[in-house]
PDB file of N, CA and C in Angstrom:
ATOM      1  N   MET A   1      12.369  14.086  20.198  1.00  0.00           N
ATOM      2  CA  MET A   1      11.688  15.682  19.219  1.00  0.00           C
ATOM      3  C   MET A   1      11.268  15.324  18.614  1.00  0.00           C
ATOM      4  N   PRO A   2      10.172  15.651  17.909  1.00  0.00           N
ATOM      5  CA  PRO A   2       9.542  15.250  16.368  1.00  0.00           C
ATOM      6  C   PRO A   2      10.101  15.570  15.775  1.00  0.00           C
ATOM      7  N   LEU A   3      10.103  14.873  14.265  1.00  0.00           N
ATOM      8  CA  LEU A   3      11.098  15.305  13.297  1.00  0.00           C
ATOM      9  C   LEU A   3      10.054  15.868  12.036  1.00  0.00           C
ATOM     10  N   TYR A   4      10.498  16.846  11.500  1.00  0.00           N
ATOM     11  CA  TYR A   4       9.762  17.331  10.449  1.00  0.00           C
ATOM     12  C   TYR A   4      10.212  17.297   9.111  1.00  0.00           C
ATOM     13  N   ARG A   5       9.618  16.832   7.969  1.00  0.00           N
ATOM     14  CA  ARG A   5       9.900  16.734   6.755  1.00  0.00           C
ATOM     15  C   ARG A   5       9.740  18.266   5.989  1.00  0.00           C
ATOM     16  N   ILE A   6      11.672  18.860   5.490  1.00  0.00           N
ATOM     17  CA  ILE A   6      10.874  19.716   4.947  1.00  0.00           C
ATOM     18  C   ILE A   6      10.708  20.586   3.409  1.00  0.00           C
ATOM     19  N   TYR A   7       9.458  20.819   2.438  1.00  0.00           N
ATOM     20  CA  TYR A   7       9.817  20.615   1.281  1.00  0.00           C
ATOM     21  C   TYR A   7      10.300  21.982   0.965  1.00  0.00           C
ATOM     22  N   ARG A   8      10.434  22.300   0.031  1.00  0.00           N
ATOM     23  CA  ARG A   8      10.976  23.516  -0.662  1.00  0.00           C
ATOM     24  C   ARG A   8      10.492  23.761  -2.404  1.00  0.00           C
ATOM     25  N   MET A   9       9.688  24.886  -2.092  1.00  0.00           N
ATOM     26  CA  MET A   9       8.932  25.570  -3.191  1.00  0.00           C
ATOM     27  C   MET A   9       9.885  25.533  -4.491  1.00  0.00           C
ATOM     28  N   LYS A  10       9.508  24.831  -5.678  1.00  0.00           N
ATOM     29  CA  LYS A  10      10.355  25.796  -6.640  1.00  0.00           C
ATOM     30  C   LYS A  10       9.847  27.167  -7.073  1.00  0.00           C
ATOM     31  N   ASP A  11      11.210  27.576  -7.517  1.00  0.00           N
ATOM     32  CA  ASP A  11      11.479  29.348  -8.067  1.00  0.00           C
ATOM     33  C   ASP A  11       9.990  29.660  -9.038  1.00  0.00           C
ATOM     34  N   SER A  12       9.741  28.621 -10.204  1.00  0.00           N
ATOM     35  CA  SER A  12       8.560  29.746 -10.621  1.00  0.00           C
ATOM     36  C   SER A  12       7.301  29.633 -10.253  1.00  0.00           C
ATOM     37  N   PRO A  13       6.771  28.028  -9.068  1.00  0.00           N
ATOM     38  CA  PRO A  13       5.724  28.732  -8.541  1.00  0.00           C
ATOM     39  C   PRO A  13       5.664  29.657  -7.340  1.00  0.00           C
ATOM     40  N   ARG A  14       6.750  29.807  -6.561  1.00  0.00           N
ATOM     41  CA  ARG A  14       7.240  30.607  -5.746  1.00  0.00           C
ATOM     42  C   ARG A  14       6.596  31.982  -5.916  1.00  0.00           C
ATOM     43  N   GLN A  15       7.449  32.603  -7.324  1.00  0.00           N
ATOM     44  CA  GLN A  15       6.822  34.056  -7.451  1.00  0.00           C
ATOM     45  C   GLN A  15       5.080  34.215  -7.523  1.00  0.00           C
ATOM     46  N   GLN A  16       4.503  33.224  -8.039  1.00  0.00           N
ATOM     47  CA  GLN A  16       3.193  33.032  -8.329  1.00  0.00           C
ATOM     48  C   GLN A  16       2.551  33.454  -6.447  1.00  0.00           C
ATOM     49  N   PHE A  17       3.103  32.642  -6.071  1.00  0.00           N
ATOM     50  CA  PHE A  17       2.175  32.541  -4.587  1.00  0.00           C
ATOM     51  C   PHE A  17       2.537  33.676  -3.803  1.00  0.00           C
ATOM     52  N   ARG A  18       4.470  34.267  -3.926  1.00  0.00           N
ATOM     53  CA  ARG A  18       4.093  35.621  -3.308  1.00  0.00           C
ATOM     54  C   ARG A  18       3.302  37.006  -3.570  1.00  0.00           C
ATOM     55  N   TRP A  19       2.773  36.762  -4.919  1.00  0.00           N
ATOM     56  CA  TRP A  19       2.587  37.977  -5.147  1.00  0.00           C
ATOM     57  C   TRP A  19       0.351  37.598  -5.186  1.00  0.00           C
ATOM     58  N   ALA A  20       0.589  36.333  -4.477  1.00  0.00           N
ATOM     59  CA  ALA A  20      -1.272  35.890  -4.710  1.00  0.00           C
ATOM     60  C   ALA A  20      -1.575  36.556  -3.268  1.00  0.00           C
ATOM     61  N   PRO A  21      -2.960  36.851  -3.382  1.00  0.00           N
ATOM     62  CA  PRO A  21      -3.713  37.831  -1.423  1.00  0.00           C
ATOM     63  C   PRO A  21      -3.444  36.565  -1.004  1.00  0.00           C
ATOM     64  N   HIS A  22      -3.593  36.858   0.198  1.00  0.00           N
ATOM     65  CA  HIS A  22      -3.598  36.319   1.563  1.00  0.00           C
ATOM     66  C   HIS A  22      -4.524  35.371   1.393  1.00  0.00           C
ATOM     67  N   VAL A  23      -5.084  34.034   1.843  1.00  0.00           N
ATOM     68  CA  VAL A  23      -6.330  33.547   1.853  1.00  0.00           C
ATOM     69  C   VAL A  23      -6.498  32.784   3.481  1.00  0.00           C
ATOM     70  N   ALA A  24      -6.994  32.615   4.206  1.00  0.00           N
ATOM     71  CA  ALA A  24      -6.985  32.079   5.202  1.00  0.00           C
ATOM     72  C   ALA A  24      -7.725  30.839   4.657  1.00  0.00           C
ATOM     73  N   GLY A  25      -7.370  29.736   5.832  1.00  0.00           N
ATOM     74  CA  GLY A  25      -7.449  28.448   5.590  1.00  0.00           C
ATOM     75  C   GLY A  25      -6.762  27.259   5.287  1.00  0.00           C
ATOM     76  N   CYS A  26      -7.281  26.141   5.191  1.00  0.00           N
ATOM     77  CA  CYS A  26      -6.184  25.024   4.513  1.00  0.00           C
ATOM     78  C   CYS A  26      -6.154  25.327   2.903  1.00  0.00           C
ATOM     79  N   ALA A  27      -4.749  25.415   2.559  1.00  0.00           N
ATOM     80  CA  ALA A  27      -4.240  25.639   1.477  1.00  0.00           C
ATOM     81  C   ALA A  27      -4.274  24.671   0.416  1.00  0.00           C
ATOM     82  N   SER A  28      -4.312  24.181  -0.555  1.00  0.00           N
ATOM     83  CA  SER A  28      -4.360  23.295  -1.310  1.00  0.00           C
ATOM     84  C   SER A  28      -3.018  23.442  -1.726  1.00  0.00           C
ATOM     85  N   VAL A  29      -1.852  22.775  -1.643  1.00  0.00           N
ATOM     86  CA  VAL A  29      -0.503  22.452  -2.358  1.00  0.00           C
ATOM     87  C   VAL A  29      -0.235  21.451  -3.702  1.00  0.00           C
ATOM     88  N   LYS A  30       0.326  21.566  -4.990  1.00  0.00           N
ATOM     89  CA  LYS A  30       0.752  20.673  -5.742  1.00  0.00           C
ATOM     90  C   LYS A  30       1.841  19.764  -5.398  1.00  0.00           C
ATOM     91  N   PRO A  31       2.093  18.718  -5.095  1.00  0.00           N
ATOM     92  CA  PRO A  31       3.181  17.869  -5.175  1.00  0.00           C
ATOM     93  C   PRO A  31       4.227  18.275  -6.116  1.00  0.00           C
ATOM     94  N   ARG A  32       3.689  18.804  -7.334  1.00  0.00           N
ATOM     95  CA  ARG A  32       4.712  18.738  -8.694  1.00  0.00           C
ATOM     96  C   ARG A  32       6.281  20.320  -8.187  1.00  0.00           C
ATOM     97  N   ASP A  33       5.117  21.482  -7.316  1.00  0.00           N
ATOM     98  CA  ASP A  33       5.767  22.446  -6.725  1.00  0.00           C
ATOM     99  C   ASP A  33       6.402  22.590  -5.754  1.00  0.00           C
ATOM    100  N   TYR A  34       6.982  21.156  -5.583  1.00  0.00           N
ATOM    101  CA  TYR A  34       7.663  21.427  -4.314  1.00  0.00           C
ATOM    102  C   TYR A  34       8.780  19.969  -4.584  1.00  0.00           C
ATOM    103  N   GLU A  35       9.897  20.357  -3.880  1.00  0.00           N
ATOM    104  CA  GLU A  35      11.216  18.969  -3.492  1.00  0.00           C
ATOM    105  C   GLU A  35      11.789  18.946  -1.995  1.00  0.00           C
ATOM    106  N   GLN A  36      10.903  17.561  -1.767  1.00  0.00           N
ATOM    107  CA  GLN A  36      11.693  17.214  -0.303  1.00  0.00           C
ATOM    108  C   GLN A  36      13.437  17.565  -0.329  1.00  0.00           C
ATOM    109  N   ARG A  37      13.560  18.418   0.675  1.00  0.00           N
ATOM    110  CA  ARG A  37      15.173  19.034   1.262  1.00  0.00           C
ATOM    111  C   ARG A  37      15.739  18.337   2.538  1.00  0.00           C
ATOM    112  N   GLY A  38      14.910  17.701   2.927  1.00  0.00           N
ATOM    113  CA  GLY A  38      15.951  17.347   4.070  1.00  0.00           C
ATOM    114  C   GLY A  38      14.847  17.293   5.210  1.00  0.00           C
ATOM    115  N   GLN A  39      15.053  16.861   6.634  1.00  0.00           N
ATOM    116  CA  GLN A  39      14.604  16.919   7.569  1.00  0.00           C
ATOM    117  C   GLN A  39      15.017  17.720   9.155  1.00  0.00           C
ATOM    118  N   VAL A  40      14.251  18.326   9.891  1.00  0.00           N
ATOM    119  CA  VAL A  40      14.730  18.552  11.284  1.00  0.00           C
ATOM    120  C   VAL A  40      13.796  18.117  12.664  1.00  0.00           C
ATOM    121  N   GLU A  41      14.899  18.370  13.484  1.00  0.00           N
ATOM    122  CA  GLU A  41      13.848  17.876  14.220  1.00  0.00           C
ATOM    123  C   GLU A  41      13.456  19.285  15.506  1.00  0.00           C
ATOM    124  N   ALA A  42      12.461  19.355  15.951  1.00  0.00           N
ATOM    125  CA  ALA A  42      11.609  20.633  16.345  1.00  0.00           C
ATOM    126  C   ALA A  42      10.872  20.374  17.361  1.00  0.00           C
ATOM    127  N   LEU A  43      10.847  20.792  18.004  1.00  0.00           N
ATOM    128  CA  LEU A  43       9.171  21.324  19.207  1.00  0.00           C
ATOM    129  C   LEU A  43       7.933  21.144  18.382  1.00  0.00           C
ATOM    130  N   ASN A  44       8.208  22.139  17.205  1.00  0.00           N
ATOM    131  CA  ASN A  44       7.004  22.696  16.569  1.00  0.00           C
ATOM    132  C   ASN A  44       7.073  23.443  15.294  1.00  0.00           C
ATOM    133  N   GLU A  45       6.230  23.699  14.590  1.00  0.00           N
ATOM    134  CA  GLU A  45       6.752  24.191  13.278  1.00  0.00           C
ATOM    135  C   GLU A  45       7.317  25.319  13.359  1.00  0.00           C
ATOM    136  N   TYR A  46       7.130  26.132  14.518  1.00  0.00           N
ATOM    137  CA  TYR A  46       7.975  27.571  14.396  1.00  0.00           C
ATOM    138  C   TYR A  46       9.508  27.364  14.977  1.00  0.00           C
ATOM    139  N   ASP A  47       9.289  25.839  15.622  1.00  0.00           N
ATOM    140  CA  ASP A  47      10.872  25.891  16.292  1.00  0.00           C
ATOM    141  C   ASP A  47      11.469  25.151  15.047  1.00  0.00           C
ATOM    142  N   ALA A  48      11.125  24.971  13.959  1.00  0.00           N
ATOM    143  CA  ALA A  48      12.074  24.160  12.929  1.00  0.00           C
ATOM    144  C   ALA A  48      12.550  25.581  12.340  1.00  0.00           C
ATOM    145  N   TRP A  49      11.077  26.765  12.027  1.00  0.00           N
ATOM    146  CA  TRP A  49      11.856  27.660  11.748  1.00  0.00           C
ATOM    147  C   TRP A  49      12.820  28.326  11.986  1.00  0.00           C
ATOM    148  N   ARG A  50      12.692  28.503  13.403  1.00  0.00           N
ATOM    149  CA  ARG A  50      14.008  29.300  13.980  1.00  0.00           C
ATOM    150  C   ARG A  50      15.260  28.297  13.894  1.00  0.00           C
ATOM    151  N   GLY A  51      15.193  27.009  14.248  1.00  0.00           N
ATOM    152  CA  GLY A  51      16.209  26.274  14.106  1.00  0.00           C
ATOM    153  C   GLY A  51      16.911  26.118  12.581  1.00  0.00           C
ATOM    154  N   LEU A  52      16.015  26.615  10.997  1.00  0.00           N
ATOM    155  CA  LEU A  52      16.887  26.406   9.936  1.00  0.00           C
ATOM    156  C   LEU A  52      16.689  27.735  10.153  1.00  0.00           C
ATOM    157  N   ARG A  53      16.489  28.736  10.281  1.00  0.00           N
ATOM    158  CA  ARG A  53      17.031  30.318  10.384  1.00  0.00           C
ATOM    159  C   ARG A  53      18.280  30.497  10.626  1.00  0.00           C
ATOM    160  N   GLU A  54      18.495  30.075  11.924  1.00  0.00           N
ATOM    161  CA  GLU A  54      19.969  29.961  12.690  1.00  0.00           C
ATOM    162  C   GLU A  54      20.952  29.476  11.789  1.00  0.00           C
ATOM    163  N   SER A  55      20.678  27.931  11.814  1.00  0.00           N
ATOM    164  CA  SER A  55      21.416  27.124  10.686  1.00  0.00           C
ATOM    165  C   SER A  55      22.219  27.903   9.251  1.00  0.00           C
ATOM    166  N   GLY A  56      21.257  28.809   8.458  1.00  0.00           N
ATOM    167  CA  GLY A  56      21.502  29.638   7.584  1.00  0.00           C
ATOM    168  C   GLY A  56      21.074  29.102   6.448  1.00  0.00           C
ATOM    169  N   ASP A  57      19.875  28.284   6.719  1.00  0.00           N
ATOM    170  CA  ASP A  57      19.136  27.497   5.387  1.00  0.00           C
ATOM    171  C   ASP A  57      17.515  27.733   5.995  1.00  0.00           C
ATOM    172  N   PRO A  58      17.060  29.197   6.185  1.00  0.00           N
ATOM    173  CA  PRO A  58      15.657  29.448   6.836  1.00  0.00           C
ATOM    174  C   PRO A  58      15.017  28.897   5.712  1.00  0.00           C
ATOM    175  N   LEU A  59      13.328  28.793   6.124  1.00  0.00           N
ATOM    176  CA  LEU A  59      11.969  28.476   5.676  1.00  0.00           C
ATOM    177  C   LEU A  59      11.815  29.692   4.654  1.00  0.00           C
ATOM    178  N   ALA A  60      11.278  29.642   3.508  1.00  0.00           N
ATOM    179  CA  ALA A  60      10.798  30.664   2.321  1.00  0.00           C
ATOM    180  C   ALA A  60       9.066  30.849   2.748  1.00  0.00           C
ATOM    181  N   VAL A  61       8.199  31.851   2.814  1.00  0.00           N
ATOM    182  CA  VAL A  61       7.286  31.865   2.022  1.00  0.00           C
ATOM    183  C   VAL A  61       7.304  30.778   0.824  1.00  0.00           C
ATOM    184  N   GLY A  62       5.576  29.962   1.254  1.00  0.00           N
ATOM    185  CA  GLY A  62       5.614  29.219   0.145  1.00  0.00           C
ATOM    186  C   GLY A  62       6.038  27.631   0.680  1.00  0.00           C
ATOM    187  N   ASP A  63       7.159  27.443   1.292  1.00  0.00           N
ATOM    188  CA  ASP A  63       7.679  26.039   1.828  1.00  0.00           C
ATOM    189  C   ASP A  63       6.534  25.467   3.008  1.00  0.00           C
ATOM    190  N   LEU A  64       6.882  24.133   3.133  1.00  0.00           N
ATOM    191  CA  LEU A  64       5.784  23.275   3.523  1.00  0.00           C
ATOM    192  C   LEU A  64       6.768  22.272   4.541  1.00  0.00           C
ATOM    193  N   VAL A  65       6.331  22.446   5.911  1.00  0.00           N
ATOM    194  CA  VAL A  65       6.890  21.202   6.938  1.00  0.00           C
ATOM    195  C   VAL A  65       5.742  20.729   6.940  1.00  0.00           C
ATOM    196  N   GLU A  66       6.348  19.141   7.075  1.00  0.00           N
ATOM    197  CA  GLU A  66       5.258  18.017   7.162  1.00  0.00           C
ATOM    198  C   GLU A  66       5.393  17.246   8.817  1.00  0.00           C
ATOM    199  N   THR A  67       5.184  16.792   9.681  1.00  0.00           N
ATOM    200  CA  THR A  67       4.517  16.002  10.865  1.00  0.00           C
ATOM    201  C   THR A  67       4.674  14.885  10.569  1.00  0.00           C
ATOM    202  N   GLU A  68       5.604  13.883  11.352  1.00  0.00           N
ATOM    203  CA  GLU A  68       5.773  12.564  11.076  1.00  0.00           C
ATOM    204  C   GLU A  68       4.173  12.015  10.829  1.00  0.00           C
ATOM    205  N   ALA A  69       3.313  12.374  10.931  1.00  0.00           N
ATOM    206  CA  ALA A  69       1.487  11.841  11.389  1.00  0.00           C
ATOM    207  C   ALA A  69       1.332  12.228   9.893  1.00  0.00           C
ATOM    208  N   GLY A  70       2.277  13.171   9.140  1.00  0.00           N
ATOM    209  CA  GLY A  70       1.566  13.606   8.150  1.00  0.00           C
ATOM    210  C   GLY A  70       0.878  14.748   7.883  1.00  0.00           C
ATOM    211  N   GLN A  71       0.723  15.526   8.656  1.00  0.00           N
ATOM    212  CA  GLN A  71       0.315  17.173   8.925  1.00  0.00           C
ATOM    213  C   GLN A  71       1.362  17.918   8.170  1.00  0.00           C
ATOM    214  N   LEU A  72       0.953  19.011   7.020  1.00  0.00           N
ATOM    215  CA  LEU A  72       1.179  19.730   6.466  1.00  0.00           C
ATOM    216  C   LEU A  72       0.760  21.065   6.800  1.00  0.00           C
ATOM    217  N   ARG A  73       1.577  21.988   6.952  1.00  0.00           N
ATOM    218  CA  ARG A  73       1.760  23.304   7.112  1.00  0.00           C
ATOM    219  C   ARG A  73       2.772  23.922   6.609  1.00  0.00           C
ATOM    220  N   ILE A  74       2.124  25.040   5.608  1.00  0.00           N
ATOM    221  CA  ILE A  74       2.656  25.832   4.838  1.00  0.00           C
ATOM    222  C   ILE A  74       3.010  27.349   5.595  1.00  0.00           C
ATOM    223  N   CYS A  75       4.649  27.720   5.268  1.00  0.00           N
ATOM    224  CA  CYS A  75       5.007  28.902   6.259  1.00  0.00           C
ATOM    225  C   CYS A  75       4.709  30.386   4.786  1.00  0.00           C
ATOM    226  N   LYS A  76       4.031  31.557   5.437  1.00  0.00           N
ATOM    227  CA  LYS A  76       3.113  32.408   5.012  1.00  0.00           C
ATOM    228  C   LYS A  76       3.645  33.832   5.809  1.00  0.00           C
ATOM    229  N   TYR A  77       2.958  34.403   4.789  1.00  0.00           N
ATOM    230  CA  TYR A  77       3.899  36.086   6.001  1.00  0.00           C
ATOM    231  C   TYR A  77       3.228  36.071   7.433  1.00  0.00           C
ATOM    232  N   VAL A  78       1.899  35.194   7.472  1.00  0.00           N
ATOM    233  CA  VAL A  78       1.267  35.495   8.503  1.00  0.00           C
ATOM    234  C   VAL A  78       1.567  34.546  10.137  1.00  0.00           C
ATOM    235  N   GLY A  79       2.677  33.750   9.450  1.00  0.00           N
ATOM    236  CA  GLY A  79       3.104  32.182  10.387  1.00  0.00           C
ATOM    237  C   GLY A  79       2.836  31.095   9.508  1.00  0.00           C
ATOM    238  N   PHE A  80       2.733  30.021  10.073  1.00  0.00           N
ATOM    239  CA  PHE A  80       2.021  28.734   9.846  1.00  0.00           C
ATOM    240  C   PHE A  80       0.536  28.577   9.227  1.00  0.00           C
ATOM    241  N   GLU A  81       0.103  27.915   8.418  1.00  0.00           N
ATOM    242  CA  GLU A  81      -1.335  27.842   8.466  1.00  0.00           C
ATOM    243  C   GLU A  81      -1.611  26.476   7.544  1.00  0.00           C
ATOM    244  N   PRO A  82      -2.405  25.343   8.073  1.00  0.00           N
ATOM    245  CA  PRO A  82      -2.406  24.134   7.541  1.00  0.00           C
ATOM    246  C   PRO A  82      -2.712  24.053   5.791  1.00  0.00           C
ATOM    247  N   ALA A  83      -2.119  23.122   5.319  1.00  0.00           N
ATOM    248  CA  ALA A  83      -1.897  22.721   3.550  1.00  0.00           C
ATOM    249  C   ALA A  83      -2.249  21.625   3.752  1.00  0.00           C
ATOM    250  N   GLN A  84      -3.064  21.180   2.747  1.00  0.00           N
ATOM    251  CA  GLN A  84      -2.911  19.457   2.259  1.00  0.00           C
ATOM    252  C   GLN A  84      -2.400  19.558   0.980  1.00  0.00           C
ATOM    253  N   TRP A  85      -2.022  17.972   0.107  1.00  0.00           N
ATOM    254  CA  TRP A  85      -1.810  17.783  -1.027  1.00  0.00           C
ATOM    255  C   TRP A  85      -3.062  17.876  -1.995  1.00  0.00           C
ATOM    256  N   ALA A  86      -3.312  18.302  -3.121  1.00  0.00           N
ATOM    257  CA  ALA A  86      -4.296  18.571  -3.865  1.00  0.00           C
ATOM    258  C   ALA A  86      -3.696  17.772  -4.996  1.00  0.00           C
ATOM    259  N   LEU A  87      -4.001  16.065  -5.071  1.00  0.00           N
ATOM    260  CA  LEU A  87      -3.798  15.478  -5.558  1.00  0.00           C
ATOM    261  C   LEU A  87      -4.858  15.369  -6.934  1.00  0.00           C
ATOM    262  N   PRO A  88      -4.397  14.842  -8.140  1.00  0.00           N
ATOM    263  CA  PRO A  88      -5.370  15.066  -9.276  1.00  0.00           C
ATOM    264  C   PRO A  88      -6.144  13.734  -9.603  1.00  0.00           C
ATOM    265  N   GLU A  89      -6.982  14.050  -9.705  1.00  0.00           N
ATOM    266  CA  GLU A  89      -8.570  12.674 -10.410  1.00  0.00           C
ATOM    267  C   GLU A  89      -8.265  12.231 -10.801  1.00  0.00           C
ATOM    268  N   PRO A  90      -8.544  10.865 -10.432  1.00  0.00           N
ATOM    269  CA  PRO A  90      -7.797   9.560 -11.289  1.00  0.00           C
ATOM    270  C   PRO A  90      -8.650   9.717 -12.675  1.00  0.00           C
ATOM    271  N   LYS A  91      -8.028   9.390 -13.637  1.00  0.00           N
ATOM    272  CA  LYS A  91      -8.637   9.416 -14.838  1.00  0.00           C
ATOM    273  C   LYS A  91      -9.708   8.424 -14.814  1.00  0.00           C
ATOM    274  N   GLN A  92     -10.971   8.596 -15.775  1.00  0.00           N
ATOM    275  CA  GLN A  92     -11.797   7.952 -15.684  1.00  0.00           C
ATOM    276  C   GLN A  92     -11.860   7.334 -17.181  1.00  0.00           C
ATOM    277  N   PRO A  93     -12.120   5.960 -17.297  1.00  0.00           N
ATOM    278  CA  PRO A  93     -11.883   5.753 -18.993  1.00  0.00           C
ATOM    279  C   PRO A  93     -13.257   6.257 -19.640  1.00  0.00           C
ATOM    280  N   GLU A  94     -13.106   6.717 -20.932  1.00  0.00           N
ATOM    281  CA  GLU A  94     -14.158   7.039 -21.224  1.00  0.00           C
ATOM    282  C   GLU A  94     -15.033   6.290 -22.313  1.00  0.00           C
ATOM    283  N   PRO A  95     -16.697   6.415 -21.696  1.00  0.00           N
ATOM    284  CA  PRO A  95     -18.097   5.550 -22.340  1.00  0.00           C
ATOM    285  C   PRO A  95     -17.641   5.162 -23.783  1.00  0.00           C
ATOM    286  N   GLU A  96     -17.448   4.224 -24.022  1.00  0.00           N
ATOM    287  CA  GLU A  96     -18.241   4.188 -25.912  1.00  0.00           C
ATOM    288  C   GLU A  96     -19.779   4.561 -25.892  1.00  0.00           C
ATOM    289  N   PRO A  97     -19.509   5.137 -27.076  1.00  0.00           N
ATOM    290  CA  PRO A  97     -20.866   5.632 -27.669  1.00  0.00           C
ATOM    291  C   PRO A  97     -21.823   4.837 -27.836  1.00  0.00           C
ATOM    292  N   ALA A  98     -23.402   5.159 -27.362  1.00  0.00           N
ATOM    293  CA  ALA A  98     -24.080   4.379 -27.977  1.00  0.00           C
ATOM    294  C   ALA A  98     -24.015   3.920 -28.998  1.00  0.00           C
ATOM    295  N   GLY A  99     -24.534   2.173 -29.192  1.00  0.00           N
ATOM    296  CA  GLY A  99     -24.939   1.912 -30.412  1.00  0.00           C
ATOM    297  C   GLY A  99     -23.619   1.430 -31.477  1.00  0.00           C
ATOM    298  N   GLN A 100     -22.681   2.046 -30.777  1.00  0.00           N
ATOM    299  CA  GLN A 100     -21.409   1.154 -32.055  1.00  0.00           C
ATOM    300  C   GLN A 100     -20.753  -0.080 -30.777  1.00  0.00           C
ATOM    301  N   SER A 101     -20.645  -1.051 -31.532  1.00  0.00           N
ATOM    302  CA  SER A 101     -19.896  -2.361 -30.693  1.00  0.00           C
ATOM    303  C   SER A 101     -18.517  -2.386 -31.385  1.00  0.00           C
ATOM    304  N   THR A 102     -17.667  -2.755 -30.359  1.00  0.00           N
ATOM    305  CA  THR A 102     -16.250  -3.795 -31.184  1.00  0.00           C
ATOM    306  C   THR A 102     -16.717  -4.470 -31.966  1.00  0.00           C
ATOM    307  N   PRO A 103     -15.672  -4.942 -32.445  1.00  0.00           N
ATOM    308  CA  PRO A 103     -15.446  -5.799 -33.622  1.00  0.00           C
ATOM    309  C   PRO A 103     -15.328  -7.323 -32.808  1.00  0.00           C
ATOM    310  N   SER A 104     -15.607  -8.435 -33.603  1.00  0.00           N
ATOM    311  CA  SER A 104     -15.043  -9.486 -32.567  1.00  0.00           C
ATOM    312  C   SER A 104     -14.248 -10.488 -32.973  1.00  0.00           C
TER     313      SER A 104
END
């Protein structure tokens, strides 16, 4: 049976997420807004949702499940939808202004 990693959304971003309008399509999620909290064996994300609900630690709106292959699904009011990690762009070094040289 497949293994799903569980990521719980932190409280502060959860409040914003709960009141944001529903947007269809792949959600971009920030790693800093989540904490990995275990894993569960399940047939699919809905089976994971049911199993966690029955265990007394249900998934909440905004929580993520990740497959062994790294595919993310976010729990929304309407079910699960695709998600992806929004990773920050690497900082580019600032170019030196033209005409200035560094002392040797």
